[in-house]
Amino acid sequence: MFHWFKKRRRKKILSQPVPESWDLHFNRNVRLTWELSPPEVRRLQQIVQVIVAEKNWEGCDGLELTEEMQVTIAAQAGLMLLGVPGFYFDNVKTILVFPQAFSRQASSGSGEGQTHRAGEAWQGGPIVLSWRDTLRGGRDEDDGQNLVIHEFAHALDGLDGEMGGNLMFDNEETSQRWQQVVAQEFADLCRARDRGIRTLLNHYGATNQAEFFAVSSETFFEKPRSLSQQHGELFELLLTYFRVDPRNWQRN
């Protein structure tokens, strides 16, 4: 019954015309969309329609949410779903947007303190984003860093009930292959970080395997050619997982 209701509601959402202003938001703020094919653009528009309509959007620290903010965030997240029909981050109910990096209370061995974060994702909870960092990530399409993709990758990771970097594939063989490849890649990144060696994958991915997947996802979408050349097995597994090839969206 609930599936039928959701399907009916989404059919109604998708029957609505796409506002002309969305093209401007795509072109200004989501540069990865510049090389999408017309069918991909149409599919992305549909994804954005559903995400904008279904999620609970909240501005924080006095931020007044605008259409531009919602569309920019939804479009960046939507790129991750172009190859996945019928799914719209159903496990994410709320998106909180701060004007810039926000403070969080953190504890360490030396006591309590404040940390500044650009984004967060909680198992069963909201996605939290800095608008300033969201805009920076969307407008620079090939630096390998994208806050929205990073945080929504955590949401995908959490579909199995735990944000631990252990992805669900269509078959057990591929799932096991993912675990093997990630274990080796993660260990390599940890060693490179400890030795101060620059790497294609951001060293933040060496924090744990959940962060490794999020960082790998950013790189997959923003630097797909480099990832395929330097980390071939990892790239092929992400290709299988996302079911899209971002190399087709790159000009160079």
C-alpha atoms as a PDB file:
ATOM      1  CA  MET A   1       0.000   0.000   0.000  1.00  0.00           C
ATOM      2  CA  PHE A   2       2.702   2.466   0.976  1.00  0.00           C
ATOM      3  CA  HIS A   3       4.715   1.627  -2.146  1.00  0.00           C
ATOM      4  CA  TRP A   4       1.631   2.330  -4.277  1.00  0.00           C
ATOM      5  CA  PHE A   5       1.070   5.661  -2.531  1.00  0.00           C
ATOM      6  CA  LYS A   6       4.704   6.682  -3.028  1.00  0.00           C
ATOM      7  CA  LYS A   7       4.599   5.722  -6.699  1.00  0.00           C
ATOM      8  CA  ARG A   8       1.397   7.703  -7.221  1.00  0.00           C
ATOM      9  CA  ARG A   9       2.808  10.753  -5.417  1.00  0.00           C
ATOM     10  CA  ARG A  10       5.985  10.685  -7.491  1.00  0.00           C
ATOM     11  CA  LYS A  11       4.023  10.354 -10.715  1.00  0.00           C
ATOM     12  CA  LYS A  12       2.217  13.552  -9.769  1.00  0.00           C
ATOM     13  CA  ILE A  13       5.505  15.301  -8.938  1.00  0.00           C
ATOM     14  CA  LEU A  14       7.044  14.293 -12.258  1.00  0.00           C
ATOM     15  CA  SER A  15       3.998  15.480 -14.200  1.00  0.00           C
ATOM     16  CA  GLN A  16       4.790  19.060 -13.218  1.00  0.00           C
ATOM     17  CA  PRO A  17       6.787  21.228 -15.667  1.00  0.00           C
ATOM     18  CA  VAL A  18      10.416  21.918 -14.776  1.00  0.00           C
ATOM     19  CA  PRO A  19      10.917  25.624 -14.000  1.00  0.00           C
ATOM     20  CA  GLU A  20      13.082  27.418 -16.553  1.00  0.00           C
ATOM     21  CA  SER A  21      15.194  28.835 -13.722  1.00  0.00           C
ATOM     22  CA  TRP A  22      16.550  25.360 -13.013  1.00  0.00           C
ATOM     23  CA  ASP A  23      18.680  25.472 -16.158  1.00  0.00           C
ATOM     24  CA  LEU A  24      20.443  28.525 -14.754  1.00  0.00           C
ATOM     25  CA  HIS A  25      21.115  26.799 -11.428  1.00  0.00           C
ATOM     26  CA  PHE A  26      22.470  23.717 -13.211  1.00  0.00           C
ATOM     27  CA  ASN A  27      24.744  25.757 -15.473  1.00  0.00           C
ATOM     28  CA  ARG A  28      26.033  28.116 -12.805  1.00  0.00           C
ATOM     29  CA  ASN A  29      26.379  25.786  -9.864  1.00  0.00           C
ATOM     30  CA  VAL A  30      26.672  22.180 -11.082  1.00  0.00           C
ATOM     31  CA  ARG A  31      29.310  22.166 -13.777  1.00  0.00           C
ATOM     32  CA  LEU A  32      29.380  18.393 -14.019  1.00  0.00           C
ATOM     33  CA  THR A  33      26.071  18.742 -15.859  1.00  0.00           C
ATOM     34  CA  TRP A  34      27.611  20.671 -18.759  1.00  0.00           C
ATOM     35  CA  GLU A  35      28.482  17.552 -20.762  1.00  0.00           C
ATOM     36  CA  LEU A  36      25.448  15.432 -19.929  1.00  0.00           C
ATOM     37  CA  SER A  37      23.459  14.078 -22.862  1.00  0.00           C
ATOM     38  CA  PRO A  38      19.888  15.408 -23.322  1.00  0.00           C
ATOM     39  CA  PRO A  39      18.365  12.171 -21.923  1.00  0.00           C
ATOM     40  CA  GLU A  40      20.677  12.419 -18.884  1.00  0.00           C
ATOM     41  CA  VAL A  41      19.682  16.053 -18.326  1.00  0.00           C
ATOM     42  CA  ARG A  42      16.011  15.098 -18.448  1.00  0.00           C
ATOM     43  CA  ARG A  43      16.569  12.215 -16.045  1.00  0.00           C
ATOM     44  CA  LEU A  44      18.501  14.492 -13.675  1.00  0.00           C
ATOM     45  CA  GLN A  45      15.696  17.049 -13.766  1.00  0.00           C
ATOM     46  CA  GLN A  46      13.267  14.336 -12.720  1.00  0.00           C
ATOM     47  CA  ILE A  47      15.511  13.234  -9.869  1.00  0.00           C
ATOM     48  CA  VAL A  48      15.792  16.824  -8.693  1.00  0.00           C
ATOM     49  CA  GLN A  49      12.010  17.253  -8.859  1.00  0.00           C
ATOM     50  CA  VAL A  50      11.501  14.332  -6.492  1.00  0.00           C
ATOM     51  CA  ILE A  51      14.317  15.213  -4.082  1.00  0.00           C
ATOM     52  CA  VAL A  52      13.213  18.842  -3.820  1.00  0.00           C
ATOM     53  CA  ALA A  53       9.565  17.855  -3.283  1.00  0.00           C
ATOM     54  CA  GLU A  54      10.021  14.939  -0.896  1.00  0.00           C
ATOM     55  CA  LYS A  55      12.739  16.051   1.477  1.00  0.00           C
ATOM     56  CA  ASN A  56      12.264  18.219   4.528  1.00  0.00           C
ATOM     57  CA  TRP A  57      14.530  21.214   3.861  1.00  0.00           C
ATOM     58  CA  GLU A  58      15.635  23.450   6.711  1.00  0.00           C
ATOM     59  CA  GLY A  59      17.875  26.512   6.782  1.00  0.00           C
ATOM     60  CA  CYS A  60      20.039  26.853   9.878  1.00  0.00           C
ATOM     61  CA  ASP A  61      21.808  29.763  11.606  1.00  0.00           C
ATOM     62  CA  GLY A  62      19.419  32.239  10.016  1.00  0.00           C
ATOM     63  CA  LEU A  63      19.857  30.953   6.463  1.00  0.00           C
ATOM     64  CA  GLU A  64      16.771  31.462   4.311  1.00  0.00           C
ATOM     65  CA  LEU A  65      16.527  28.568   1.898  1.00  0.00           C
ATOM     66  CA  THR A  66      16.004  29.395  -1.769  1.00  0.00           C
ATOM     67  CA  GLU A  67      15.111  27.430  -4.875  1.00  0.00           C
ATOM     68  CA  GLU A  68      18.725  27.816  -6.019  1.00  0.00           C
ATOM     69  CA  MET A  69      20.024  26.093  -2.890  1.00  0.00           C
ATOM     70  CA  GLN A  70      17.596  23.197  -3.113  1.00  0.00           C
ATOM     71  CA  VAL A  71      18.149  22.622  -6.828  1.00  0.00           C
ATOM     72  CA  THR A  72      21.939  22.940  -6.555  1.00  0.00           C
ATOM     73  CA  ILE A  73      22.111  20.389  -3.742  1.00  0.00           C
ATOM     74  CA  ALA A  74      19.592  18.011  -5.310  1.00  0.00           C
ATOM     75  CA  ALA A  75      21.344  18.131  -8.696  1.00  0.00           C
ATOM     76  CA  GLN A  76      24.746  17.248  -7.260  1.00  0.00           C
ATOM     77  CA  ALA A  77      23.247  14.384  -5.281  1.00  0.00           C
ATOM     78  CA  GLY A  78      21.160  13.372  -8.282  1.00  0.00           C
ATOM     79  CA  LEU A  79      24.228  12.745 -10.427  1.00  0.00           C
ATOM     80  CA  MET A  80      24.844   9.715  -8.221  1.00  0.00           C
ATOM     81  CA  LEU A  81      21.420   8.282  -9.140  1.00  0.00           C
ATOM     82  CA  LEU A  82      21.459   8.638 -12.931  1.00  0.00           C
ATOM     83  CA  GLY A  83      22.034   4.911 -13.320  1.00  0.00           C
ATOM     84  CA  VAL A  84      19.670   3.844 -10.539  1.00  0.00           C
ATOM     85  CA  PRO A  85      15.986   4.052 -11.506  1.00  0.00           C
ATOM     86  CA  GLY A  86      13.284   4.485  -8.880  1.00  0.00           C
ATOM     87  CA  PHE A  87      15.519   5.475  -5.960  1.00  0.00           C
ATOM     88  CA  TYR A  88      15.745   9.019  -4.599  1.00  0.00           C
ATOM     89  CA  PHE A  89      17.750   8.686  -1.378  1.00  0.00           C
ATOM     90  CA  ASP A  90      14.631   7.359   0.277  1.00  0.00           C
ATOM     91  CA  ASN A  91      16.553   6.873   3.527  1.00  0.00           C
ATOM     92  CA  VAL A  92      17.259  10.619   3.786  1.00  0.00           C
ATOM     93  CA  LYS A  93      14.277  12.523   5.164  1.00  0.00           C
ATOM     94  CA  THR A  94      15.801  15.882   6.084  1.00  0.00           C
ATOM     95  CA  ILE A  95      18.475  18.142   4.604  1.00  0.00           C
ATOM     96  CA  LEU A  96      19.841  20.864   6.885  1.00  0.00           C
ATOM     97  CA  VAL A  97      21.715  23.736   5.257  1.00  0.00           C
ATOM     98  CA  PHE A  98      24.038  26.123   7.107  1.00  0.00           C
ATOM     99  CA  PRO A  99      25.398  29.283   5.474  1.00  0.00           C
ATOM    100  CA  GLN A 100      28.977  28.083   6.006  1.00  0.00           C
ATOM    101  CA  ALA A 101      30.999  25.598   8.046  1.00  0.00           C
ATOM    102  CA  PHE A 102      29.336  24.972  11.397  1.00  0.00           C
ATOM    103  CA  SER A 103      30.611  24.187  14.881  1.00  0.00           C
ATOM    104  CA  ARG A 104      30.245  20.894  16.669  1.00  0.00           C
ATOM    105  CA  GLN A 105      31.223  19.849  20.155  1.00  0.00           C
ATOM    106  CA  ALA A 106      33.927  17.198  19.968  1.00  0.00           C
ATOM    107  CA  SER A 107      35.706  15.141  22.588  1.00  0.00           C
ATOM    108  CA  SER A 108      39.252  13.823  22.416  1.00  0.00           C
ATOM    109  CA  GLY A 109      41.886  12.480  24.725  1.00  0.00           C
ATOM    110  CA  SER A 110      42.688  16.007  25.837  1.00  0.00           C
ATOM    111  CA  GLY A 111      39.085  16.919  26.638  1.00  0.00           C
ATOM    112  CA  GLU A 112      36.169  18.718  25.032  1.00  0.00           C
ATOM    113  CA  GLY A 113      36.504  21.199  22.191  1.00  0.00           C
ATOM    114  CA  GLN A 114      34.873  22.782  19.167  1.00  0.00           C
ATOM    115  CA  THR A 115      35.345  21.566  15.612  1.00  0.00           C
ATOM    116  CA  HIS A 116      34.203  23.174  12.375  1.00  0.00           C
ATOM    117  CA  ARG A 117      32.623  20.967   9.746  1.00  0.00           C
ATOM    118  CA  ALA A 118      31.376  21.521   6.227  1.00  0.00           C
ATOM    119  CA  GLY A 119      29.017  18.558   6.274  1.00  0.00           C
ATOM    120  CA  GLU A 120      27.680  15.566   8.155  1.00  0.00           C
ATOM    121  CA  ALA A 121      25.583  12.503   7.476  1.00  0.00           C
ATOM    122  CA  TRP A 122      23.954  10.449  10.213  1.00  0.00           C
ATOM    123  CA  GLN A 123      22.651   6.907  10.042  1.00  0.00           C
ATOM    124  CA  GLY A 124      18.871   7.284  10.002  1.00  0.00           C
ATOM    125  CA  GLY A 125      19.227  11.043  10.360  1.00  0.00           C
ATOM    126  CA  PRO A 126      19.656  14.164   8.258  1.00  0.00           C
ATOM    127  CA  ILE A 127      22.264  15.285   5.761  1.00  0.00           C
ATOM    128  CA  VAL A 128      23.897  18.507   6.988  1.00  0.00           C
ATOM    129  CA  LEU A 129      25.637  20.814   4.510  1.00  0.00           C
ATOM    130  CA  SER A 130      27.431  24.137   4.382  1.00  0.00           C
ATOM    131  CA  TRP A 131      26.017  26.192   1.509  1.00  0.00           C
ATOM    132  CA  ARG A 132      29.348  27.927   0.930  1.00  0.00           C
ATOM    133  CA  ASP A 133      31.133  24.593   0.548  1.00  0.00           C
ATOM    134  CA  THR A 134      28.280  23.121  -1.480  1.00  0.00           C
ATOM    135  CA  LEU A 135      28.594  25.950  -3.977  1.00  0.00           C
ATOM    136  CA  ARG A 136      32.383  25.673  -4.118  1.00  0.00           C
ATOM    137  CA  GLY A 137      32.201  21.942  -4.784  1.00  0.00           C
ATOM    138  CA  GLY A 138      29.580  22.270  -7.489  1.00  0.00           C
ATOM    139  CA  ARG A 139      31.322  25.067  -9.376  1.00  0.00           C
ATOM    140  CA  ASP A 140      34.743  23.389  -9.417  1.00  0.00           C
ATOM    141  CA  GLU A 141      34.020  20.157 -11.233  1.00  0.00           C
ATOM    142  CA  ASP A 142      37.466  18.603 -11.439  1.00  0.00           C
ATOM    143  CA  ASP A 143      39.295  19.237  -8.156  1.00  0.00           C
ATOM    144  CA  GLY A 144      38.222  15.861  -6.805  1.00  0.00           C
ATOM    145  CA  GLN A 145      36.248  17.374  -3.942  1.00  0.00           C
ATOM    146  CA  ASN A 146      32.480  17.654  -3.718  1.00  0.00           C
ATOM    147  CA  LEU A 147      30.786  18.027  -0.352  1.00  0.00           C
ATOM    148  CA  VAL A 148      27.330  16.938  -1.521  1.00  0.00           C
ATOM    149  CA  ILE A 149      28.589  13.777  -3.206  1.00  0.00           C
ATOM    150  CA  HIS A 150      30.691  13.000  -0.121  1.00  0.00           C
ATOM    151  CA  GLU A 151      27.821  13.269   2.352  1.00  0.00           C
ATOM    152  CA  PHE A 152      25.257  11.534   0.161  1.00  0.00           C
ATOM    153  CA  ALA A 153      27.752   8.719  -0.400  1.00  0.00           C
ATOM    154  CA  HIS A 154      27.503   8.137   3.344  1.00  0.00           C
ATOM    155  CA  ALA A 155      23.732   7.868   2.922  1.00  0.00           C
ATOM    156  CA  LEU A 156      24.195   5.190   0.249  1.00  0.00           C
ATOM    157  CA  ASP A 157      26.690   3.417   2.479  1.00  0.00           C
ATOM    158  CA  GLY A 158      24.097   3.350   5.252  1.00  0.00           C
ATOM    159  CA  LEU A 159      21.504   1.446   3.235  1.00  0.00           C
ATOM    160  CA  ASP A 160      22.658  -1.809   4.811  1.00  0.00           C
ATOM    161  CA  GLY A 161      22.048  -0.366   8.275  1.00  0.00           C
ATOM    162  CA  GLU A 162      25.597   0.730   8.990  1.00  0.00           C
ATOM    163  CA  MET A 163      27.891   3.401   7.568  1.00  0.00           C
ATOM    164  CA  GLY A 164      30.986   1.269   7.415  1.00  0.00           C
ATOM    165  CA  GLY A 165      32.010   1.358   3.771  1.00  0.00           C
ATOM    166  CA  ASN A 166      30.634  -2.122   3.060  1.00  0.00           C
ATOM    167  CA  LEU A 167      28.530  -1.699  -0.079  1.00  0.00           C
ATOM    168  CA  MET A 168      25.679  -3.860  -1.314  1.00  0.00           C
ATOM    169  CA  PHE A 169      26.145  -5.182  -4.854  1.00  0.00           C
ATOM    170  CA  ASP A 170      23.848  -7.392  -6.907  1.00  0.00           C
ATOM    171  CA  ASN A 171      25.893 -10.517  -6.223  1.00  0.00           C
ATOM    172  CA  GLU A 172      28.030 -11.867  -3.412  1.00  0.00           C
ATOM    173  CA  GLU A 173      31.117 -12.273  -5.586  1.00  0.00           C
ATOM    174  CA  THR A 174      31.252  -8.555  -6.384  1.00  0.00           C
ATOM    175  CA  SER A 175      30.562  -7.650  -2.763  1.00  0.00           C
ATOM    176  CA  GLN A 176      33.513  -9.772  -1.645  1.00  0.00           C
ATOM    177  CA  ARG A 177      35.682  -8.281  -4.370  1.00  0.00           C
ATOM    178  CA  TRP A 178      34.782  -4.826  -3.096  1.00  0.00           C
ATOM    179  CA  GLN A 179      35.880  -5.738   0.413  1.00  0.00           C
ATOM    180  CA  GLN A 180      39.206  -7.107  -0.852  1.00  0.00           C
ATOM    181  CA  VAL A 181      40.006  -4.147  -3.093  1.00  0.00           C
ATOM    182  CA  VAL A 182      38.984  -1.566  -0.508  1.00  0.00           C
ATOM    183  CA  ALA A 183      41.008  -3.252   2.228  1.00  0.00           C
ATOM    184  CA  GLN A 184      44.145  -3.005   0.071  1.00  0.00           C
ATOM    185  CA  GLU A 185      43.420   0.505  -1.223  1.00  0.00           C
ATOM    186  CA  PHE A 186      42.609   1.749   2.263  1.00  0.00           C
ATOM    187  CA  ALA A 187      45.846   0.323   3.656  1.00  0.00           C
ATOM    188  CA  ASP A 188      47.806   1.938   0.816  1.00  0.00           C
ATOM    189  CA  LEU A 189      46.184   5.312   1.480  1.00  0.00           C
ATOM    190  CA  CYS A 190      46.911   5.054   5.208  1.00  0.00           C
ATOM    191  CA  ARG A 191      50.594   4.397   4.478  1.00  0.00           C
ATOM    192  CA  ALA A 192      50.756   7.298   2.037  1.00  0.00           C
ATOM    193  CA  ARG A 193      49.157   9.621   4.571  1.00  0.00           C
ATOM    194  CA  ASP A 194      51.529   8.542   7.323  1.00  0.00           C
ATOM    195  CA  ARG A 195      54.510   9.133   5.031  1.00  0.00           C
ATOM    196  CA  GLY A 196      53.251  12.466   3.743  1.00  0.00           C
ATOM    197  CA  ILE A 197      52.953  11.226   0.149  1.00  0.00           C
ATOM    198  CA  ARG A 198      50.508  13.105  -2.071  1.00  0.00           C
ATOM    199  CA  THR A 199      47.782  10.924  -3.568  1.00  0.00           C
ATOM    200  CA  LEU A 200      44.872  11.244  -5.955  1.00  0.00           C
ATOM    201  CA  LEU A 201      42.490  10.162  -3.189  1.00  0.00           C
ATOM    202  CA  ASN A 202      42.246  12.729  -0.414  1.00  0.00           C
ATOM    203  CA  HIS A 203      44.034  11.625   2.751  1.00  0.00           C
ATOM    204  CA  TYR A 204      40.791  12.130   4.665  1.00  0.00           C
ATOM    205  CA  GLY A 205      39.752   8.819   3.144  1.00  0.00           C
ATOM    206  CA  ALA A 206      42.300   7.153   5.420  1.00  0.00           C
ATOM    207  CA  THR A 207      40.156   8.003   8.476  1.00  0.00           C
ATOM    208  CA  ASN A 208      38.136   4.793   8.130  1.00  0.00           C
ATOM    209  CA  GLN A 209      36.543   2.739   5.367  1.00  0.00           C
ATOM    210  CA  ALA A 210      33.312   4.757   5.448  1.00  0.00           C
ATOM    211  CA  GLU A 211      35.274   7.910   4.686  1.00  0.00           C
ATOM    212  CA  PHE A 212      37.278   5.993   2.100  1.00  0.00           C
ATOM    213  CA  PHE A 213      34.091   5.234   0.162  1.00  0.00           C
ATOM    214  CA  ALA A 214      32.898   8.848   0.412  1.00  0.00           C
ATOM    215  CA  VAL A 215      36.255  10.212  -0.783  1.00  0.00           C
ATOM    216  CA  SER A 216      36.423   7.601  -3.546  1.00  0.00           C
ATOM    217  CA  SER A 217      32.956   8.651  -4.703  1.00  0.00           C
ATOM    218  CA  GLU A 218      34.020  12.296  -4.939  1.00  0.00           C
ATOM    219  CA  THR A 219      37.039  11.284  -7.008  1.00  0.00           C
ATOM    220  CA  PHE A 220      34.995   8.913  -9.173  1.00  0.00           C
ATOM    221  CA  PHE A 221      32.665  11.691 -10.260  1.00  0.00           C
ATOM    222  CA  GLU A 222      35.170  14.534 -10.453  1.00  0.00           C
ATOM    223  CA  LYS A 223      38.384  12.825 -11.601  1.00  0.00           C
ATOM    224  CA  PRO A 224      37.173   9.630 -13.261  1.00  0.00           C
ATOM    225  CA  ARG A 225      39.952   9.344 -15.829  1.00  0.00           C
ATOM    226  CA  SER A 226      42.693   9.711 -13.236  1.00  0.00           C
ATOM    227  CA  LEU A 227      40.956   7.236 -10.932  1.00  0.00           C
ATOM    228  CA  SER A 228      40.596   4.686 -13.737  1.00  0.00           C
ATOM    229  CA  GLN A 229      44.290   5.021 -14.580  1.00  0.00           C
ATOM    230  CA  GLN A 230      45.692   4.945 -11.042  1.00  0.00           C
ATOM    231  CA  HIS A 231      43.147   2.736  -9.263  1.00  0.00           C
ATOM    232  CA  GLY A 232      41.659   0.587 -12.000  1.00  0.00           C
ATOM    233  CA  GLU A 233      39.953  -2.079  -9.897  1.00  0.00           C
ATOM    234  CA  LEU A 234      38.441   0.483  -7.545  1.00  0.00           C
ATOM    235  CA  PHE A 235      37.164   2.485 -10.509  1.00  0.00           C
ATOM    236  CA  GLU A 236      35.573  -0.564 -12.146  1.00  0.00           C
ATOM    237  CA  LEU A 237      33.779  -1.481  -8.932  1.00  0.00           C
ATOM    238  CA  LEU A 238      32.424   2.053  -8.534  1.00  0.00           C
ATOM    239  CA  LEU A 239      31.384   1.917 -12.193  1.00  0.00           C
ATOM    240  CA  THR A 240      29.416  -1.225 -11.395  1.00  0.00           C
ATOM    241  CA  TYR A 241      27.927   0.328  -8.271  1.00  0.00           C
ATOM    242  CA  PHE A 242      26.812   3.683  -9.682  1.00  0.00           C
ATOM    243  CA  ARG A 243      26.020   2.347 -13.186  1.00  0.00           C
ATOM    244  CA  VAL A 244      27.210   5.527 -14.874  1.00  0.00           C
ATOM    245  CA  ASP A 245      30.569   6.485 -16.403  1.00  0.00           C
ATOM    246  CA  PRO A 246      31.515  10.078 -15.491  1.00  0.00           C
ATOM    247  CA  ARG A 247      34.361   9.969 -18.007  1.00  0.00           C
ATOM    248  CA  ASN A 248      31.681  10.811 -20.572  1.00  0.00           C
ATOM    249  CA  TRP A 249      31.027  14.101 -18.759  1.00  0.00           C
ATOM    250  CA  GLN A 250      34.629  15.303 -18.822  1.00  0.00           C
ATOM    251  CA  ARG A 251      35.866  17.638 -21.539  1.00  0.00           C
ATOM    252  CA  ASN A 252      39.523  16.729 -21.189  1.00  0.00           C
END
